[in-house]
Amino acid sequence: HKSNILSHHNIIGNLGEIIASNFLRDQKNYTILENNWRFSHAEIDIIAKDKETLVFVEVKTRSSGKFGRPEEFITDKKILLIQDAANEYMKFVKHEWSIRFDIISIILRTEQDYDLEHYIDAWW
């Protein structure tokens, strides 16, 4: 039954990323440039533009907050991987202006019932 758990986890994560992309586009007026951009062992969930700022967004989704807030599961190692991938992306697109790292934390009960927190400039 391990595959059922894994697929459930993936479905929750994918739904969370869709909700986060829609939120950034529709409510924050960000332009979504990439979803799930990969470099080496890192993946950036969402790359967007907030006016002239390039924003790298880590989305953390859980089905409950029972074991802690979703954003608490982001490790220092994960942050370093995201920063490495962000550096590669900036080289790739020749981006030389301001950047930012955001976190979107979602507790997803159903597709229509969720709590979303947007942490702007979460780390550097």
Protein backbone atom coordinates (compact mmCIF):
# COMPACT_ATOMS: atom_id res chain seq x y z
CA HIS A 1 0.00 0.00 0.00
CA LYS A 2 3.02 2.26 -0.03
CA SER A 3 2.22 3.48 -3.57
CA ASN A 4 -1.24 4.64 -2.40
CA ILE A 5 0.34 6.79 0.31
CA LEU A 6 2.90 8.15 -2.13
CA SER A 7 0.32 8.97 -4.76
CA HIS A 8 -1.92 10.63 -2.12
CA HIS A 9 1.09 12.72 -1.01
CA ASN A 10 1.82 13.66 -4.66
CA ILE A 11 -1.83 14.58 -5.31
CA ILE A 12 -1.85 16.86 -2.23
CA GLY A 13 1.44 18.47 -3.33
CA ASN A 14 0.26 18.98 -6.91
CA LEU A 15 -3.05 20.47 -5.77
CA GLY A 16 -1.18 22.77 -3.40
CA GLU A 17 1.04 24.02 -6.22
CA ILE A 18 -2.00 24.69 -8.45
CA ILE A 19 -3.74 26.60 -5.63
CA ALA A 20 -0.52 28.56 -4.94
CA SER A 21 -0.03 29.45 -8.65
CA ASN A 22 -3.65 30.60 -8.95
CA PHE A 23 -3.33 32.65 -5.74
CA LEU A 24 -0.14 34.39 -6.92
CA ARG A 25 -1.57 35.08 -10.38
CA ASP A 26 -5.14 36.04 -9.48
CA GLN A 27 -4.78 37.72 -6.08
CA LYS A 28 -1.21 39.06 -6.12
CA ASN A 29 -0.95 39.83 -9.87
CA TYR A 30 2.33 37.92 -10.23
CA THR A 31 3.30 36.57 -13.64
CA ILE A 32 3.97 32.83 -13.41
CA LEU A 33 7.08 31.99 -15.45
CA GLU A 34 7.75 28.36 -14.50
CA ASN A 35 6.24 25.52 -12.50
CA ASN A 36 8.47 22.72 -11.17
CA TRP A 37 11.71 24.06 -12.65
CA ARG A 38 14.46 21.48 -12.10
CA PHE A 39 18.22 21.79 -11.83
CA SER A 40 20.38 18.89 -10.65
CA HIS A 41 18.81 17.65 -7.38
CA ALA A 42 16.71 20.76 -6.80
CA GLU A 43 13.28 21.76 -7.93
CA ILE A 44 11.73 25.18 -7.62
CA ASP A 45 7.96 24.86 -7.30
CA ILE A 46 7.07 28.24 -8.81
CA ILE A 47 9.15 30.95 -10.46
CA ALA A 48 7.21 34.18 -10.87
CA LYS A 49 7.63 37.90 -11.39
CA ASP A 50 6.27 40.42 -8.91
CA LYS A 51 6.63 43.60 -10.97
CA GLU A 52 10.41 43.66 -11.61
CA THR A 53 11.38 41.16 -8.89
CA LEU A 54 12.05 37.53 -9.77
CA VAL A 55 10.42 35.38 -7.06
CA PHE A 56 11.33 31.77 -6.27
CA VAL A 57 8.46 30.15 -4.40
CA GLU A 58 8.58 27.00 -2.30
CA VAL A 59 5.12 25.51 -1.78
CA LYS A 60 4.54 23.26 1.22
CA THR A 61 1.20 21.48 1.43
CA ARG A 62 -0.10 19.17 4.13
CA SER A 63 -3.54 17.65 4.65
CA SER A 64 -3.53 18.80 8.30
CA GLY A 65 -1.49 20.86 10.70
CA LYS A 66 -1.47 18.00 13.21
CA PHE A 67 2.30 17.48 13.03
CA GLY A 68 3.26 21.15 12.64
CA ARG A 69 2.84 23.90 10.09
CA PRO A 70 3.80 22.94 6.51
CA GLU A 71 6.52 25.62 6.29
CA GLU A 72 8.30 24.05 9.29
CA PHE A 73 9.27 21.11 7.07
CA ILE A 74 11.67 23.17 4.93
CA THR A 75 15.20 22.12 5.88
CA ASP A 76 18.43 24.11 5.60
CA LYS A 77 19.56 21.59 2.97
CA LYS A 78 16.39 22.28 0.95
CA ILE A 79 17.02 26.04 1.18
CA LEU A 80 20.56 25.58 -0.17
CA LEU A 81 19.28 23.43 -3.05
CA ILE A 82 16.65 26.04 -3.95
CA GLN A 83 19.28 28.81 -3.83
CA ASP A 84 21.58 26.79 -6.13
CA ALA A 85 18.74 26.20 -8.57
CA ALA A 86 17.78 29.89 -8.39
CA ASN A 87 21.37 30.87 -9.29
CA GLU A 88 21.27 28.53 -12.29
CA TYR A 89 17.90 29.88 -13.40
CA MET A 90 19.20 33.46 -13.22
CA LYS A 91 22.20 32.48 -15.39
CA PHE A 92 19.84 30.66 -17.77
CA VAL A 93 17.57 33.70 -18.28
CA LYS A 94 20.35 36.27 -17.77
CA HIS A 95 18.45 37.88 -14.88
CA GLU A 96 20.39 40.61 -13.11
CA TRP A 97 17.83 42.53 -11.09
CA SER A 98 16.27 41.87 -7.70
CA ILE A 99 15.19 38.44 -6.52
CA ARG A 100 13.28 37.09 -3.55
CA PHE A 101 12.42 33.76 -1.94
CA ASP A 102 8.83 33.25 -0.79
CA ILE A 103 7.09 30.34 0.90
CA ILE A 104 3.46 29.42 0.45
CA SER A 105 2.16 27.15 3.18
CA ILE A 106 -1.13 25.34 2.60
CA ILE A 107 -3.19 23.12 4.87
CA LEU A 108 -5.49 21.42 2.39
CA ARG A 109 -8.62 19.78 3.75
CA THR A 110 -10.42 19.72 0.37
CA GLU A 111 -9.92 21.56 -2.93
CA GLN A 112 -12.31 24.27 -1.72
CA ASP A 113 -11.39 24.21 2.00
CA TYR A 114 -7.81 25.19 2.77
CA ASP A 115 -5.69 27.66 4.71
CA LEU A 116 -3.01 29.47 2.72
CA GLU A 117 -0.19 31.56 4.21
CA HIS A 118 2.15 33.56 1.96
CA TYR A 119 5.53 34.38 3.51
CA ILE A 120 7.18 37.09 1.44
CA ASP A 121 10.99 37.26 1.54
CA ALA A 122 11.11 34.14 3.70
CA TRP A 123 14.90 33.80 3.71
CA TRP A 124 18.12 34.95 2.12
